[in-house]
Protein backbone atom coordinates (compact mmCIF):
# COMPACT_ATOMS: atom_id res chain seq x y z
CA MET A 1 89.95 88.05 142.64
CA PRO A 2 91.56 87.45 139.22
CA ILE A 3 89.30 88.77 135.98
CA SER A 4 87.94 85.91 134.47
CA LYS A 5 86.61 85.40 130.69
CA THR A 6 83.20 84.94 132.07
CA ASP A 7 83.17 88.26 133.93
CA ILE A 8 83.73 89.73 130.46
CA LEU A 9 81.50 87.82 128.78
CA ASP A 10 78.91 88.82 131.10
CA VAL A 11 79.65 92.47 131.18
CA LEU A 12 79.62 92.00 127.10
CA SER A 13 76.31 90.43 126.75
CA GLY A 14 74.80 94.07 127.92
CA ILE A 15 76.34 95.80 124.97
CA ALA A 16 73.67 96.03 122.15
CA VAL A 17 74.41 96.14 118.36
CA PRO A 18 72.75 98.27 115.68
CA GLU A 19 71.21 95.26 113.82
CA GLY A 20 69.53 94.34 117.15
CA GLY A 21 70.63 91.68 119.98
CA THR A 22 74.15 92.00 122.09
CA LEU A 23 77.70 91.33 120.85
CA ILE A 24 77.16 87.95 122.44
CA SER A 25 73.88 86.99 121.22
CA ARG A 26 75.48 88.00 117.69
CA ASP A 27 78.47 85.95 118.45
CA MET A 28 80.74 88.87 117.33
CA VAL A 29 83.23 88.46 120.46
CA ARG A 30 86.70 86.79 119.16
CA ALA A 31 90.44 86.03 120.81
CA ILE A 32 89.90 87.38 124.63
CA SER A 33 93.16 87.65 125.89
CA ILE A 34 93.64 88.34 129.72
CA ASP A 35 97.54 89.55 130.51
CA GLY A 36 97.40 90.15 134.43
CA ASP A 37 94.92 93.24 134.65
CA ALA A 38 95.33 94.06 130.77
CA VAL A 39 92.17 92.71 128.57
CA ARG A 40 92.48 92.48 124.69
CA PHE A 41 89.86 91.51 122.67
CA VAL A 42 88.45 91.46 118.82
CA ILE A 43 84.80 92.42 117.88
CA GLU A 44 84.18 90.69 114.29
CA ALA A 45 81.61 92.07 112.01
CA PRO A 46 80.03 90.63 109.33
CA SER A 47 81.90 92.93 107.03
CA PRO A 48 84.22 96.08 106.77
CA GLU A 49 81.23 98.35 106.19
CA ALA A 50 79.21 96.89 109.34
CA ALA A 51 82.60 97.38 111.36
CA ARG A 52 83.20 100.85 110.30
CA ALA A 53 79.73 101.43 111.98
CA LEU A 54 80.66 99.96 114.98
CA ALA A 55 82.90 102.61 116.20
CA SER A 56 80.65 103.49 119.16
CA VAL A 57 79.79 99.85 120.24
CA ARG A 58 83.79 99.42 120.30
CA ASP A 59 83.98 102.18 122.77
CA ALA A 60 81.14 101.08 124.83
CA ALA A 61 82.46 97.36 124.82
CA GLU A 62 86.23 98.68 125.85
CA ALA A 63 84.63 101.22 128.67
CA ALA A 64 82.21 98.48 130.09
CA VAL A 65 85.43 95.98 130.49
CA ALA A 66 87.73 98.38 131.67
CA GLY A 67 85.10 99.08 134.28
CA LEU A 68 85.31 95.52 135.92
CA PRO A 69 87.04 95.33 139.27
CA GLY A 70 90.65 93.96 138.71
CA VAL A 71 90.91 95.59 135.21
CA ARG A 72 93.55 98.25 134.58
CA SER A 73 93.19 98.40 130.93
CA ALA A 74 91.06 97.28 128.02
CA SER A 75 91.77 97.40 123.87
CA VAL A 76 89.46 95.97 121.52
CA ALA A 77 90.12 95.72 117.68
CA LEU A 78 87.57 95.94 115.14
CA THR A 79 87.49 93.21 112.38
CA ALA A 80 85.43 91.86 109.46
CA HIS A 81 84.63 88.51 108.63
CA GLY A 82 83.31 89.05 104.99
CA PRO A 83 84.45 91.03 101.97
CA SER A 84 84.08 94.52 101.13
CA ALA A 85 81.28 96.02 99.12
CA PRO A 86 82.38 96.76 95.53
CA ALA A 87 84.40 99.98 95.50
CA ALA A 88 83.96 102.89 93.06
CA LYS A 89 85.52 102.73 89.20
CA ALA A 90 89.15 103.51 88.98
CA PRO A 91 90.10 106.99 88.28
CA ASN A 92 90.87 107.49 84.54
CA LEU A 93 94.63 106.15 84.58
CA LYS A 94 95.96 103.23 82.55
CA VAL A 95 98.27 101.02 85.00
CA GLY A 96 100.21 98.51 83.68
CA ARG A 97 102.16 99.58 80.35
CA HIS A 98 105.38 98.92 78.81
CA PRO A 99 108.29 100.32 81.14
CA THR A 100 109.81 104.04 79.86
CA PRO A 101 113.76 104.42 79.24
CA GLN A 102 115.89 105.09 81.84
CA ALA A 103 119.44 106.07 82.63
CA GLY A 104 120.43 103.77 85.67
CA PRO A 105 118.87 103.81 89.21
CA GLN A 106 116.34 106.49 89.80
CA ALA A 107 115.74 108.05 93.14
CA VAL A 108 112.19 108.75 94.26
CA SER A 109 111.38 112.56 94.60
CA GLY A 110 111.12 113.45 98.36
CA VAL A 111 111.86 110.11 99.73
CA ASP A 112 114.85 109.48 101.78
CA ARG A 113 115.54 105.72 102.26
CA ILE A 114 113.70 102.97 100.31
CA ILE A 115 113.57 99.46 101.87
CA ALA A 116 112.53 96.15 99.97
CA ILE A 117 110.92 93.89 102.49
CA GLY A 118 111.41 90.62 100.50
CA SER A 119 111.28 86.62 101.13
CA GLY A 120 112.38 83.50 99.14
CA LYS A 121 108.72 81.89 99.30
CA GLY A 122 105.33 82.75 99.78
CA GLY A 123 103.51 82.14 103.40
CA VAL A 124 105.96 83.08 105.34
CA GLY A 125 104.10 86.42 106.55
CA LYS A 126 106.18 88.88 104.77
CA SER A 127 103.24 91.32 103.99
CA THR A 128 102.04 90.91 107.53
CA VAL A 129 105.49 92.25 108.83
CA ALA A 130 105.66 95.03 106.21
CA SER A 131 102.15 96.41 107.30
CA ASN A 132 103.09 96.43 110.86
CA LEU A 133 106.52 97.30 110.48
CA ALA A 134 105.33 100.27 108.61
CA VAL A 135 102.79 101.45 111.35
CA ALA A 136 105.68 100.98 114.06
CA LEU A 137 107.70 103.13 112.26
CA ALA A 138 104.92 105.69 111.89
CA ARG A 139 104.63 105.69 115.76
CA GLU A 140 108.04 106.26 115.84
CA GLY A 141 107.64 109.75 114.37
CA ARG A 142 108.95 108.63 111.09
CA ARG A 143 107.12 109.68 107.84
CA VAL A 144 106.34 106.46 106.14
CA GLY A 145 104.80 104.97 103.13
CA LEU A 146 104.06 101.53 102.05
CA LEU A 147 104.08 100.43 98.35
CA ASP A 148 102.43 97.23 97.71
CA ALA A 149 104.61 95.69 94.75
CA ASP A 150 103.10 92.31 94.77
CA ILE A 151 101.38 92.89 91.55
CA TYR A 152 99.56 89.47 91.27
CA GLY A 153 98.81 89.24 94.64
CA PRO A 154 98.43 92.56 96.37
CA SER A 155 97.29 92.23 100.10
CA GLN A 156 97.86 95.69 101.58
CA PRO A 157 94.72 97.37 101.02
CA ARG A 158 93.08 94.88 103.25
CA MET A 159 95.91 94.78 105.60
CA MET A 160 95.72 98.54 105.97
CA GLY A 161 92.05 99.07 105.85
CA VAL A 162 92.27 100.69 102.54
CA SER A 163 89.44 100.36 99.50
CA LYS A 164 89.04 103.59 97.94
CA ARG A 165 90.29 104.39 94.53
CA PRO A 166 93.27 106.76 94.73
CA ALA A 167 92.46 110.06 92.77
CA SER A 168 94.19 111.26 89.42
CA PRO A 169 93.67 114.70 89.08
CA ASP A 170 95.49 115.17 85.60
CA GLY A 171 95.29 111.73 84.46
CA LYS A 172 99.15 111.30 85.26
CA THR A 173 99.68 111.78 88.86
CA ILE A 174 98.53 109.26 91.55
CA LEU A 175 97.36 110.52 94.91
CA PRO A 176 97.99 107.67 97.41
CA LEU A 177 95.73 106.81 100.42
CA GLN A 178 96.49 107.34 104.50
CA ALA A 179 96.19 104.81 106.97
CA HIS A 180 97.16 104.26 110.68
CA GLY A 181 99.57 107.27 109.77
CA VAL A 182 101.40 105.42 106.94
CA THR A 183 100.85 106.71 103.04
CA VAL A 184 99.70 103.50 100.90
CA MET A 185 99.84 102.66 97.47
CA SER A 186 98.96 99.46 95.59
CA ILE A 187 98.29 98.05 92.41
CA GLY A 188 95.06 96.24 94.30
CA LEU A 189 93.27 99.84 94.71
CA MET A 190 93.86 100.23 91.06
CA VAL A 191 91.95 97.24 89.64
CA ASP A 192 88.74 95.37 90.45
CA PRO A 193 89.38 93.24 93.40
CA ASP A 194 88.18 90.18 91.71
CA THR A 195 89.76 90.44 88.38
CA ALA A 196 93.10 88.40 87.74
CA VAL A 197 96.10 90.71 86.42
CA VAL A 198 97.59 88.84 83.81
CA TRP A 199 100.62 90.45 82.67
CA ARG A 200 104.14 89.71 80.95
CA GLY A 201 107.30 90.79 82.42
CA PRO A 202 107.51 94.37 80.61
CA MET A 203 103.88 95.45 81.82
CA LEU A 204 104.93 94.51 85.31
CA MET A 205 107.96 96.54 85.12
CA GLY A 206 105.99 99.50 83.88
CA ALA A 207 103.33 99.19 86.55
CA LEU A 208 106.18 99.41 89.05
CA GLN A 209 107.45 102.31 87.34
CA GLN A 210 104.49 104.17 87.41
CA MET A 211 103.69 103.40 91.39
CA LEU A 212 107.41 104.52 92.07
CA GLY A 213 107.42 107.44 89.70
CA GLN A 214 104.11 108.90 89.41
CA VAL A 215 102.44 108.41 93.14
CA ALA A 216 102.74 111.38 94.60
CA TRP A 217 104.51 110.37 97.83
CA GLY A 218 105.22 113.53 99.35
CA GLU A 219 108.08 114.11 101.59
CA LEU A 220 108.66 110.54 103.38
CA ASP A 221 111.76 109.57 105.71
CA ILE A 222 111.83 105.84 104.59
CA LEU A 223 109.19 103.93 101.95
CA LEU A 224 108.61 100.43 102.29
CA ILE A 225 108.03 98.24 99.41
CA ASP A 226 106.10 95.01 100.15
CA MET A 227 107.80 92.63 97.27
CA PRO A 228 106.34 89.49 95.68
CA PRO A 229 108.02 86.35 96.76
CA GLY A 230 110.80 84.92 94.83
CA THR A 231 113.56 86.03 92.75
CA GLY A 232 111.15 87.29 89.58
CA ASP A 233 110.92 90.32 87.13
CA VAL A 234 109.50 92.86 89.89
CA GLN A 235 112.45 92.15 92.15
CA LEU A 236 115.03 92.35 89.12
CA THR A 237 113.51 95.91 88.15
CA LEU A 238 113.31 97.00 91.48
CA CYS A 239 116.75 96.29 92.52
CA GLN A 240 118.07 97.68 88.84
CA LYS A 241 116.21 100.84 88.29
CA THR A 242 115.44 102.14 91.75
CA GLN A 243 117.94 103.62 94.26
CA LEU A 244 117.08 101.15 97.20
CA THR A 245 118.65 101.74 100.71
CA GLY A 246 118.65 97.99 101.08
CA ALA A 247 116.30 95.16 101.52
CA ILE A 248 115.12 92.92 104.47
CA VAL A 249 114.58 89.45 103.85
CA VAL A 250 111.54 87.70 106.04
CA SER A 251 111.38 83.71 106.70
CA THR A 252 110.07 81.27 108.90
CA PRO A 253 112.66 79.15 110.73
CA GLN A 254 111.81 76.04 109.07
CA ASP A 255 114.38 74.51 106.45
CA VAL A 256 112.39 74.71 103.44
CA ALA A 257 111.48 78.29 103.79
CA LEU A 258 115.50 78.95 104.76
CA LEU A 259 116.39 77.30 101.40
CA ASP A 260 114.37 79.66 99.29
CA ALA A 261 115.39 82.70 101.70
CA ARG A 262 119.36 82.02 100.84
CA ARG A 263 118.12 82.12 97.15
CA ALA A 264 116.68 85.72 97.96
CA LEU A 265 119.66 86.76 99.74
CA ASP A 266 121.95 85.29 96.77
CA MET A 267 119.82 87.63 94.29
CA PHE A 268 120.07 91.00 96.56
CA LYS A 269 123.85 89.77 96.67
CA ARG A 270 124.31 89.55 92.63
CA LEU A 271 122.09 92.60 92.32
CA GLU A 272 124.47 94.56 94.66
CA THR A 273 121.59 95.48 96.99
CA PRO A 274 122.85 95.76 100.62
CA VAL A 275 120.87 93.22 103.07
CA LEU A 276 119.70 95.15 106.20
CA GLY A 277 119.03 92.20 107.99
CA LEU A 278 116.69 89.00 108.28
CA ILE A 279 113.61 88.37 110.53
CA GLU A 280 112.19 85.17 111.72
CA ASN A 281 108.76 85.13 111.52
CA MET A 282 106.08 82.74 112.79
CA SER A 283 109.12 81.75 115.50
CA HIS A 284 106.94 80.58 118.12
CA PHE A 285 103.55 79.89 119.35
CA VAL A 286 102.27 80.47 122.73
CA CYS A 287 99.01 78.71 123.43
CA PRO A 288 96.27 81.02 124.95
CA ASN A 289 95.01 78.38 127.37
CA CYS A 290 97.86 76.92 129.32
CA GLY A 291 100.66 79.11 128.01
CA HIS A 292 102.91 76.57 126.57
CA THR A 293 105.15 77.67 124.00
CA SER A 294 105.41 75.75 120.85
CA HIS A 295 107.97 75.73 118.09
CA ILE A 296 105.90 74.93 115.17
CA PHE A 297 108.30 75.74 112.29
CA GLY A 298 111.35 74.87 114.14
CA HIS A 299 113.14 77.66 116.12
CA GLY A 300 116.54 79.83 115.66
CA GLY A 301 117.05 79.11 111.89
CA VAL A 302 117.28 82.35 110.77
CA ARG A 303 119.29 83.38 113.39
CA ALA A 304 121.85 80.69 112.75
CA GLU A 305 121.49 82.19 108.92
CA ALA A 306 122.08 85.57 109.78
CA GLU A 307 125.30 84.59 111.96
CA LYS A 308 126.57 82.29 109.14
CA LEU A 309 126.35 85.04 106.63
CA ASP A 310 127.37 88.04 109.01
CA LEU A 311 124.35 89.46 108.37
CA PRO A 312 122.20 91.59 111.16
CA PHE A 313 119.46 89.42 112.87
CA LEU A 314 116.28 91.96 113.42
CA GLY A 315 113.99 89.77 115.45
CA ALA A 316 111.74 87.15 115.98
CA LEU A 317 108.13 87.41 115.99
CA PRO A 318 105.40 85.20 117.20
CA LEU A 319 102.79 82.94 115.61
CA GLU A 320 99.47 84.88 116.85
CA LEU A 321 95.80 84.44 116.12
CA ASP A 322 95.07 87.99 116.66
CA VAL A 323 97.87 89.00 114.49
CA ARG A 324 96.08 87.50 111.77
CA LEU A 325 92.46 88.83 112.91
CA ALA A 326 93.88 92.32 112.89
CA GLY A 327 95.48 92.25 109.41
CA ASP A 328 92.09 90.68 107.91
CA GLY A 329 90.20 93.67 109.77
CA GLY A 330 92.39 96.29 108.30
CA VAL A 331 94.09 97.42 111.80
CA PRO A 332 97.53 96.28 112.03
CA VAL A 333 98.45 95.06 115.69
CA ALA A 334 101.34 97.55 116.02
CA ALA A 335 98.66 100.19 115.57
CA ALA A 336 98.13 99.88 119.25
CA ASP A 337 99.84 98.89 122.40
CA GLY A 338 100.19 96.02 124.01
CA PRO A 339 102.04 92.45 124.29
CA LEU A 340 101.44 91.92 120.37
CA ALA A 341 102.58 95.09 119.45
CA ALA A 342 105.49 94.92 121.19
CA PRO A 343 107.93 92.73 118.85
CA TYR A 344 106.92 95.29 116.08
CA GLN A 345 107.86 98.43 118.09
CA ALA A 346 111.05 96.63 119.25
CA LEU A 347 111.77 96.10 115.31
CA ALA A 348 111.16 99.95 114.33
CA LYS A 349 113.10 101.05 117.22
CA ARG A 350 116.00 98.88 116.00
CA LEU A 351 115.99 100.43 112.83
CA VAL A 352 115.68 103.58 113.94
CA GLU A 353 118.43 103.51 116.30
CA GLY A 354 120.59 101.84 113.56
CA GLY A 355 120.21 104.64 111.11
CA MET A 356 118.37 102.76 108.65
CA ALA A 357 114.94 104.13 108.93
């Protein structure tokens, strides 16, 4: 007999949580997905701190579901609904200053390739793509760094599940954090998360220069840079002052997003930065109840644009609730095997096989 959601809920109703009650009585189970004999679901805690304390509960839930008749494998992700508790104060290192003069584009010490992940507009899932691609490349055996260069809206600390302030042993060198096999750095780790960054262009350029030049990245095969949306100061500084391998542009297939993506492509062309390919994000949505595929934002627009411009089309990524939940919980879906991770794994393989990563 095929496994049902009722069977899963019944067995999870016996899994107790430290605060009292069970996973079901506390309403902590989300996004149950049954794919043949494989089961995936999410345990949503009230805060990141609570989620970290639920590792044993997650293991028990995974084992209980895996033991049900008809289940071959069970995969459980921990996520959190609320914000993290206030972190410790930042190290004694001033970030955000006027840039120092430099002669032409500079390499980043120890880094083989640098790829910018850009988009013409916000809301197309660029940061989600960047975090999952970084994790997928790390699972391919690459030494990967991820720099969150979205100064005004840094999101990688949340998506990668890091909140500790980077250390600075000498007041000059910044020691990045590690998560899911990836070396991570973001301006969001250096400032109060509730404080707006109100900087003019020179301060932005100086901060970017610091995060590239003062961070102890170590030896990396590839550094992915999650760019802010648009065509502003950060993009200009990065392309003119850093030796980039190239850029990847992310867009949804809808016409409005493609209009802005074309502007981003034109910017990279003007700045003589090679475009390594285009990614169509939120390409389709599969209803978890009936299995119907909907193209909410249209379909195929990015592929058509890539063909028109004679640029590589790197892949189409679906719109999935579990991808959002995983990002909010600090564990990108690419960190585990499964149907949601497969498109990012395929994207990483394509970059590796193409010599881009």
